Amino acid sequence: MLVPRVYAQQRHPAIISTKIVRLKYQSQTDTLRLPVVNNSYPALKKVLNYQNLFDGDNLDTVVANYKNCGCGITGSEFEVTYQGANVISIKLFFETMGAYPDSYRRWYTLDIHTGKIYSIEKELSPAGLSWLFKNYKHIVKQRITADKLATPDEEKSTFNDLKTSVDTLRRRTLFSMYVFTAKGIIVSTPPVLPHAIRSQEPNRDWFVPYSKLKKFKAAKAKVIK
């Protein structure tokens, strides 16, 4: 899986640096690139500690597991998509090996000083949230239809499952996976198809430039200018 490098914004001193951990199993090698939060931000550091990122395991356990079988978490990368005076957004990507290769991702948008989730509701008015939700569903449905037209042999049940995932989408699901960037917001939702046919998932990421969101800006927004 290709993942982006780290491109932290430079308007503020970087809060997060990179720790590189080499993994080795027999002749097999992989790399973890992990975020390290500056000690000056203890609340943020607590949220982005490795046990949270590794679902309860610590780094030593992940390394030892790989050394034993070449399995478990086999690679990671992260990207700081936005860093302002009060808010930071970060994407994390993980590759795993069990019965078959897999991957997962986590997105965080946090208050730098408290480590708490910085809600998208603080940036957009109720009308803006409704607009974002409605248009996200419309765009993903368009992508699903376009993919179906491009691959007519796709199973009808798969197509229906994808459509249902959009029709039944809840606002809290969409508004729990977002990051800010220098020029706009990216929102997304988790995949719904089994691993064997995951390649038939539509692109669920949607980038919305701030220029389209300014009219919906919340009164005390810190990111949208």
C-alpha atoms as a PDB file:
ATOM      1  CA  MET A   1       0.000   0.000   0.000  1.00  0.00           C
ATOM      2  CA  LEU A   2       1.384   3.382  -0.959  1.00  0.00           C
ATOM      3  CA  VAL A   3       1.153   5.994   1.772  1.00  0.00           C
ATOM      4  CA  PRO A   4       2.129   9.654   1.833  1.00  0.00           C
ATOM      5  CA  ARG A   5       5.165  11.100   3.472  1.00  0.00           C
ATOM      6  CA  VAL A   6       4.863  13.590   6.295  1.00  0.00           C
ATOM      7  CA  TYR A   7       4.184  17.119   5.146  1.00  0.00           C
ATOM      8  CA  ALA A   8       3.648  19.191   8.285  1.00  0.00           C
ATOM      9  CA  GLN A   9       2.806  22.838   7.805  1.00  0.00           C
ATOM     10  CA  GLN A  10       5.599  25.241   8.645  1.00  0.00           C
ATOM     11  CA  ARG A  11       3.718  28.273   9.944  1.00  0.00           C
ATOM     12  CA  HIS A  12       4.193  27.014  13.503  1.00  0.00           C
ATOM     13  CA  PRO A  13       7.078  25.073  15.064  1.00  0.00           C
ATOM     14  CA  ALA A  14       6.518  21.362  14.462  1.00  0.00           C
ATOM     15  CA  ILE A  15       4.910  19.607  17.405  1.00  0.00           C
ATOM     16  CA  ILE A  16       5.333  16.104  15.993  1.00  0.00           C
ATOM     17  CA  SER A  17       8.575  14.517  14.849  1.00  0.00           C
ATOM     18  CA  THR A  18       9.254  11.061  13.416  1.00  0.00           C
ATOM     19  CA  LYS A  19      10.525   7.889  15.082  1.00  0.00           C
ATOM     20  CA  ILE A  20      11.745   5.235  12.654  1.00  0.00           C
ATOM     21  CA  VAL A  21      11.695   1.614  13.815  1.00  0.00           C
ATOM     22  CA  ARG A  22      13.163  -1.139  11.629  1.00  0.00           C
ATOM     23  CA  LEU A  23      11.433  -4.521  11.759  1.00  0.00           C
ATOM     24  CA  LYS A  24      13.186  -7.782  10.886  1.00  0.00           C
ATOM     25  CA  TYR A  25      12.040 -11.373  10.528  1.00  0.00           C
ATOM     26  CA  GLN A  26      14.575 -13.757   8.995  1.00  0.00           C
ATOM     27  CA  SER A  27      15.386 -12.115   5.635  1.00  0.00           C
ATOM     28  CA  GLN A  28      12.216 -10.000   5.683  1.00  0.00           C
ATOM     29  CA  THR A  29      12.349  -6.337   6.732  1.00  0.00           C
ATOM     30  CA  ASP A  30       9.774  -3.571   7.148  1.00  0.00           C
ATOM     31  CA  THR A  31       9.618  -0.111   8.676  1.00  0.00           C
ATOM     32  CA  LEU A  32       7.439   1.725  11.168  1.00  0.00           C
ATOM     33  CA  ARG A  33       7.380   5.513  10.897  1.00  0.00           C
ATOM     34  CA  LEU A  34       5.723   6.739  14.054  1.00  0.00           C
ATOM     35  CA  PRO A  35       4.708  10.151  15.425  1.00  0.00           C
ATOM     36  CA  VAL A  36       6.546  11.513  18.447  1.00  0.00           C
ATOM     37  CA  VAL A  37       4.824  14.393  20.245  1.00  0.00           C
ATOM     38  CA  ASN A  38       6.970  17.087  21.819  1.00  0.00           C
ATOM     39  CA  ASN A  39       7.054  16.788  25.615  1.00  0.00           C
ATOM     40  CA  SER A  40       5.737  20.350  25.864  1.00  0.00           C
ATOM     41  CA  TYR A  41       2.301  18.982  24.878  1.00  0.00           C
ATOM     42  CA  PRO A  42       1.596  16.224  27.446  1.00  0.00           C
ATOM     43  CA  ALA A  43      -2.153  15.969  26.787  1.00  0.00           C
ATOM     44  CA  LEU A  44      -1.583  15.479  23.071  1.00  0.00           C
ATOM     45  CA  LYS A  45       1.247  13.054  23.770  1.00  0.00           C
ATOM     46  CA  LYS A  46      -1.080  10.943  25.926  1.00  0.00           C
ATOM     47  CA  VAL A  47      -3.651  10.604  23.142  1.00  0.00           C
ATOM     48  CA  LEU A  48      -1.082   9.716  20.481  1.00  0.00           C
ATOM     49  CA  ASN A  49       0.833   7.203  22.598  1.00  0.00           C
ATOM     50  CA  TYR A  50       1.694   3.915  20.943  1.00  0.00           C
ATOM     51  CA  GLN A  51      -0.629   1.770  23.052  1.00  0.00           C
ATOM     52  CA  ASN A  52      -3.580   3.767  21.724  1.00  0.00           C
ATOM     53  CA  LEU A  53      -2.292   3.506  18.171  1.00  0.00           C
ATOM     54  CA  PHE A  54      -1.574  -0.230  18.502  1.00  0.00           C
ATOM     55  CA  ASP A  55      -4.892  -1.170  20.168  1.00  0.00           C
ATOM     56  CA  GLY A  56      -3.377  -1.794  23.589  1.00  0.00           C
ATOM     57  CA  ASP A  57      -0.018  -3.251  22.557  1.00  0.00           C
ATOM     58  CA  ASN A  58       3.178  -1.359  23.244  1.00  0.00           C
ATOM     59  CA  LEU A  59       5.955  -0.837  20.712  1.00  0.00           C
ATOM     60  CA  ASP A  60       8.139  -3.597  22.160  1.00  0.00           C
ATOM     61  CA  THR A  61       5.291  -6.093  21.729  1.00  0.00           C
ATOM     62  CA  VAL A  62       4.764  -5.096  18.091  1.00  0.00           C
ATOM     63  CA  VAL A  63       8.495  -5.422  17.353  1.00  0.00           C
ATOM     64  CA  ALA A  64       8.776  -8.770  19.157  1.00  0.00           C
ATOM     65  CA  ASN A  65       5.716 -10.165  17.376  1.00  0.00           C
ATOM     66  CA  TYR A  66       7.146  -9.236  13.979  1.00  0.00           C
ATOM     67  CA  LYS A  67      10.508 -10.775  14.912  1.00  0.00           C
ATOM     68  CA  ASN A  68       8.748 -14.019  15.824  1.00  0.00           C
ATOM     69  CA  CYS A  69       6.531 -14.467  12.748  1.00  0.00           C
ATOM     70  CA  GLY A  70       6.798 -11.507  10.378  1.00  0.00           C
ATOM     71  CA  CYS A  71       3.157 -10.794  11.188  1.00  0.00           C
ATOM     72  CA  GLY A  72       0.988  -8.368  13.117  1.00  0.00           C
ATOM     73  CA  ILE A  73       1.671  -4.736  12.317  1.00  0.00           C
ATOM     74  CA  THR A  74       4.225  -4.742   9.499  1.00  0.00           C
ATOM     75  CA  GLY A  75       4.417  -1.082   8.552  1.00  0.00           C
ATOM     76  CA  SER A  76       3.141   2.366   9.446  1.00  0.00           C
ATOM     77  CA  GLU A  77       3.281   5.932   8.194  1.00  0.00           C
ATOM     78  CA  PHE A  78       1.699   9.213   9.176  1.00  0.00           C
ATOM     79  CA  GLU A  79       0.959  12.611   7.721  1.00  0.00           C
ATOM     80  CA  VAL A  80       0.338  15.834   9.619  1.00  0.00           C
ATOM     81  CA  THR A  81      -2.173  17.485   7.301  1.00  0.00           C
ATOM     82  CA  TYR A  82      -2.724  20.616   9.399  1.00  0.00           C
ATOM     83  CA  GLN A  83      -1.081  22.353  12.326  1.00  0.00           C
ATOM     84  CA  GLY A  84      -2.386  25.678  13.578  1.00  0.00           C
ATOM     85  CA  ALA A  85      -1.988  27.550  16.833  1.00  0.00           C
ATOM     86  CA  ASN A  86      -4.656  25.439  18.553  1.00  0.00           C
ATOM     87  CA  VAL A  87      -5.587  22.545  16.274  1.00  0.00           C
ATOM     88  CA  ILE A  88      -3.700  19.680  14.651  1.00  0.00           C
ATOM     89  CA  SER A  89      -4.856  17.031  12.157  1.00  0.00           C
ATOM     90  CA  ILE A  90      -2.969  13.828  11.549  1.00  0.00           C
ATOM     91  CA  LYS A  91      -3.558  10.750   9.393  1.00  0.00           C
ATOM     92  CA  LEU A  92      -2.053   7.408  10.422  1.00  0.00           C
ATOM     93  CA  PHE A  93      -1.690   4.388   8.131  1.00  0.00           C
ATOM     94  CA  PHE A  94      -0.962   0.813   9.221  1.00  0.00           C
ATOM     95  CA  GLU A  95      -0.190  -2.344   7.278  1.00  0.00           C
ATOM     96  CA  THR A  96      -0.779  -5.717   8.904  1.00  0.00           C
ATOM     97  CA  MET A  97      -0.193  -9.369   8.169  1.00  0.00           C
ATOM     98  CA  GLY A  98      -2.360 -12.155   9.524  1.00  0.00           C
ATOM     99  CA  ALA A  99      -4.052 -14.797   7.411  1.00  0.00           C
ATOM    100  CA  TYR A 100      -3.633 -12.288   4.571  1.00  0.00           C
ATOM    101  CA  PRO A 101      -2.219  -8.765   4.170  1.00  0.00           C
ATOM    102  CA  ASP A 102      -4.484  -5.952   5.297  1.00  0.00           C
ATOM    103  CA  SER A 103      -4.341  -2.286   6.219  1.00  0.00           C
ATOM    104  CA  TYR A 104      -6.213   0.264   8.266  1.00  0.00           C
ATOM    105  CA  ARG A 105      -6.061   3.974   8.945  1.00  0.00           C
ATOM    106  CA  ARG A 106      -6.921   6.389  11.700  1.00  0.00           C
ATOM    107  CA  TRP A 107      -7.540  10.116  11.469  1.00  0.00           C
ATOM    108  CA  TYR A 108      -7.297  12.513  14.400  1.00  0.00           C
ATOM    109  CA  THR A 109      -8.163  16.183  14.645  1.00  0.00           C
ATOM    110  CA  LEU A 110      -7.281  17.368  18.125  1.00  0.00           C
ATOM    111  CA  ASP A 111      -6.954  20.399  20.315  1.00  0.00           C
ATOM    112  CA  ILE A 112      -3.209  20.799  20.681  1.00  0.00           C
ATOM    113  CA  HIS A 113      -3.375  21.916  24.303  1.00  0.00           C
ATOM    114  CA  THR A 114      -5.975  19.519  25.750  1.00  0.00           C
ATOM    115  CA  GLY A 115      -5.613  16.495  23.455  1.00  0.00           C
ATOM    116  CA  LYS A 116      -9.397  16.394  23.101  1.00  0.00           C
ATOM    117  CA  ILE A 117     -11.141  15.850  19.769  1.00  0.00           C
ATOM    118  CA  TYR A 118     -11.632  19.145  17.975  1.00  0.00           C
ATOM    119  CA  SER A 119     -15.122  18.732  16.587  1.00  0.00           C
ATOM    120  CA  ILE A 120     -15.955  19.750  13.039  1.00  0.00           C
ATOM    121  CA  GLU A 121     -19.097  21.303  14.547  1.00  0.00           C
ATOM    122  CA  LYS A 122     -16.835  24.053  15.935  1.00  0.00           C
ATOM    123  CA  GLU A 123     -15.972  25.115  12.386  1.00  0.00           C
ATOM    124  CA  LEU A 124     -19.291  24.793  10.532  1.00  0.00           C
ATOM    125  CA  SER A 125     -22.800  26.022  11.235  1.00  0.00           C
ATOM    126  CA  PRO A 126     -25.705  23.527  11.360  1.00  0.00           C
ATOM    127  CA  ALA A 127     -26.538  24.523   7.776  1.00  0.00           C
ATOM    128  CA  GLY A 128     -22.941  23.841   6.750  1.00  0.00           C
ATOM    129  CA  LEU A 129     -22.957  20.409   8.384  1.00  0.00           C
ATOM    130  CA  SER A 130     -26.187  19.537   6.568  1.00  0.00           C
ATOM    131  CA  TRP A 131     -24.717  20.728   3.268  1.00  0.00           C
ATOM    132  CA  LEU A 132     -21.559  18.681   3.816  1.00  0.00           C
ATOM    133  CA  PHE A 133     -23.486  15.530   4.738  1.00  0.00           C
ATOM    134  CA  LYS A 134     -25.919  15.793   1.816  1.00  0.00           C
ATOM    135  CA  ASN A 135     -23.227  16.459  -0.777  1.00  0.00           C
ATOM    136  CA  TYR A 136     -20.884  13.771   0.558  1.00  0.00           C
ATOM    137  CA  LYS A 137     -23.601  11.145   0.094  1.00  0.00           C
ATOM    138  CA  HIS A 138     -24.365  12.435  -3.389  1.00  0.00           C
ATOM    139  CA  ILE A 139     -20.725  12.357  -4.494  1.00  0.00           C
ATOM    140  CA  VAL A 140     -20.003   8.867  -3.139  1.00  0.00           C
ATOM    141  CA  LYS A 141     -23.168   7.553  -4.817  1.00  0.00           C
ATOM    142  CA  GLN A 142     -21.954   9.029  -8.097  1.00  0.00           C
ATOM    143  CA  ARG A 143     -18.621   7.255  -7.660  1.00  0.00           C
ATOM    144  CA  ILE A 144     -20.335   3.942  -6.926  1.00  0.00           C
ATOM    145  CA  THR A 145     -22.444   4.263 -10.071  1.00  0.00           C
ATOM    146  CA  ALA A 146     -19.436   5.258 -12.185  1.00  0.00           C
ATOM    147  CA  ASP A 147     -17.465   2.267 -10.911  1.00  0.00           C
ATOM    148  CA  LYS A 148     -20.383  -0.029 -11.733  1.00  0.00           C
ATOM    149  CA  LEU A 149     -20.559   1.296 -15.294  1.00  0.00           C
ATOM    150  CA  ALA A 150     -16.808   0.789 -15.665  1.00  0.00           C
ATOM    151  CA  THR A 151     -17.006  -2.800 -14.370  1.00  0.00           C
ATOM    152  CA  PRO A 152     -20.372  -4.222 -15.522  1.00  0.00           C
ATOM    153  CA  ASP A 153     -19.435  -7.710 -14.341  1.00  0.00           C
ATOM    154  CA  GLU A 154     -19.451  -6.561 -10.721  1.00  0.00           C
ATOM    155  CA  GLU A 155     -21.860  -8.565  -8.580  1.00  0.00           C
ATOM    156  CA  LYS A 156     -25.232  -6.848  -8.152  1.00  0.00           C
ATOM    157  CA  SER A 157     -25.152  -7.659  -4.429  1.00  0.00           C
ATOM    158  CA  THR A 158     -21.850  -5.791  -4.078  1.00  0.00           C
ATOM    159  CA  PHE A 159     -23.300  -2.767  -5.857  1.00  0.00           C
ATOM    160  CA  ASN A 160     -26.372  -2.864  -3.616  1.00  0.00           C
ATOM    161  CA  ASP A 161     -24.271  -3.187  -0.463  1.00  0.00           C
ATOM    162  CA  LEU A 162     -22.295  -0.106  -1.451  1.00  0.00           C
ATOM    163  CA  LYS A 163     -25.438   1.909  -2.152  1.00  0.00           C
ATOM    164  CA  THR A 164     -26.978   0.804   1.133  1.00  0.00           C
ATOM    165  CA  SER A 165     -23.872   1.923   3.013  1.00  0.00           C
ATOM    166  CA  VAL A 166     -24.475   5.446   1.732  1.00  0.00           C
ATOM    167  CA  ASP A 167     -28.251   5.416   2.172  1.00  0.00           C
ATOM    168  CA  THR A 168     -27.890   4.357   5.814  1.00  0.00           C
ATOM    169  CA  LEU A 169     -24.912   6.596   6.584  1.00  0.00           C
ATOM    170  CA  ARG A 170     -25.278   8.531   9.820  1.00  0.00           C
ATOM    171  CA  ARG A 171     -23.994  12.026  10.363  1.00  0.00           C
ATOM    172  CA  ARG A 172     -21.936  11.019  13.376  1.00  0.00           C
ATOM    173  CA  THR A 173     -20.074   8.436  11.257  1.00  0.00           C
ATOM    174  CA  LEU A 174     -19.098  10.998   8.633  1.00  0.00           C
ATOM    175  CA  PHE A 175     -18.240  13.684  11.172  1.00  0.00           C
ATOM    176  CA  SER A 176     -15.954  11.373  13.127  1.00  0.00           C
ATOM    177  CA  MET A 177     -13.482  10.946  10.242  1.00  0.00           C
ATOM    178  CA  TYR A 178     -12.127  14.249   8.977  1.00  0.00           C
ATOM    179  CA  VAL A 179      -8.914  16.224   8.834  1.00  0.00           C
ATOM    180  CA  PHE A 180      -8.107  19.826   8.073  1.00  0.00           C
ATOM    181  CA  THR A 181      -5.487  20.765   5.497  1.00  0.00           C
ATOM    182  CA  ALA A 182      -3.971  24.055   4.378  1.00  0.00           C
ATOM    183  CA  LYS A 183      -6.689  24.547   1.751  1.00  0.00           C
ATOM    184  CA  GLY A 184      -9.719  22.576   2.859  1.00  0.00           C
ATOM    185  CA  ILE A 185     -11.315  19.740   4.797  1.00  0.00           C
ATOM    186  CA  ILE A 186     -11.144  16.049   3.912  1.00  0.00           C
ATOM    187  CA  VAL A 187     -14.026  13.894   5.131  1.00  0.00           C
ATOM    188  CA  SER A 188     -14.320  10.135   4.740  1.00  0.00           C
ATOM    189  CA  THR A 189     -16.077   6.969   5.893  1.00  0.00           C
ATOM    190  CA  PRO A 190     -14.823   3.423   6.543  1.00  0.00           C
ATOM    191  CA  PRO A 191     -14.975   0.725   3.832  1.00  0.00           C
ATOM    192  CA  VAL A 192     -17.812  -1.795   4.061  1.00  0.00           C
ATOM    193  CA  LEU A 193     -16.787  -4.599   1.682  1.00  0.00           C
ATOM    194  CA  PRO A 194     -14.949  -7.745   2.831  1.00  0.00           C
ATOM    195  CA  HIS A 195     -11.202  -7.906   2.261  1.00  0.00           C
ATOM    196  CA  ALA A 196     -11.498 -10.233  -0.752  1.00  0.00           C
ATOM    197  CA  ILE A 197     -13.383  -7.592  -2.762  1.00  0.00           C
ATOM    198  CA  ARG A 198     -12.053  -4.451  -1.079  1.00  0.00           C
ATOM    199  CA  SER A 199     -10.700  -3.270  -4.440  1.00  0.00           C
ATOM    200  CA  GLN A 200     -14.299  -2.580  -5.484  1.00  0.00           C
ATOM    201  CA  GLU A 201     -14.755   0.058  -2.782  1.00  0.00           C
ATOM    202  CA  PRO A 202     -15.275   3.564  -4.155  1.00  0.00           C
ATOM    203  CA  ASN A 203     -12.948   6.371  -3.147  1.00  0.00           C
ATOM    204  CA  ARG A 204     -14.587   7.507   0.096  1.00  0.00           C
ATOM    205  CA  ASP A 205     -12.413  10.574   0.679  1.00  0.00           C
ATOM    206  CA  TRP A 206     -13.840  13.946  -0.304  1.00  0.00           C
ATOM    207  CA  PHE A 207     -11.789  17.139  -0.274  1.00  0.00           C
ATOM    208  CA  VAL A 208     -13.811  20.330   0.178  1.00  0.00           C
ATOM    209  CA  PRO A 209     -11.949  23.642  -0.248  1.00  0.00           C
ATOM    210  CA  TYR A 210     -12.449  26.289   2.423  1.00  0.00           C
ATOM    211  CA  SER A 211     -13.691  28.641  -0.298  1.00  0.00           C
ATOM    212  CA  LYS A 212     -16.867  26.533  -0.488  1.00  0.00           C
ATOM    213  CA  LEU A 213     -17.288  26.484   3.273  1.00  0.00           C
ATOM    214  CA  LYS A 214     -16.718  30.121   4.213  1.00  0.00           C
ATOM    215  CA  LYS A 215     -20.423  30.949   4.013  1.00  0.00           C
ATOM    216  CA  PHE A 216     -21.048  28.192   6.579  1.00  0.00           C
ATOM    217  CA  LYS A 217     -18.273  29.227   8.969  1.00  0.00           C
ATOM    218  CA  ALA A 218     -19.148  28.977  12.658  1.00  0.00           C
ATOM    219  CA  ALA A 219     -18.876  32.137  14.724  1.00  0.00           C
ATOM    220  CA  LYS A 220     -15.848  30.929  16.719  1.00  0.00           C
ATOM    221  CA  ALA A 221     -14.108  28.927  13.982  1.00  0.00           C
ATOM    222  CA  LYS A 222     -10.336  28.641  14.444  1.00  0.00           C
ATOM    223  CA  VAL A 223      -9.401  26.977  11.139  1.00  0.00           C
ATOM    224  CA  ILE A 224     -11.728  28.295   8.431  1.00  0.00           C
ATOM    225  CA  LYS A 225     -10.821  31.935   7.763  1.00  0.00           C
END
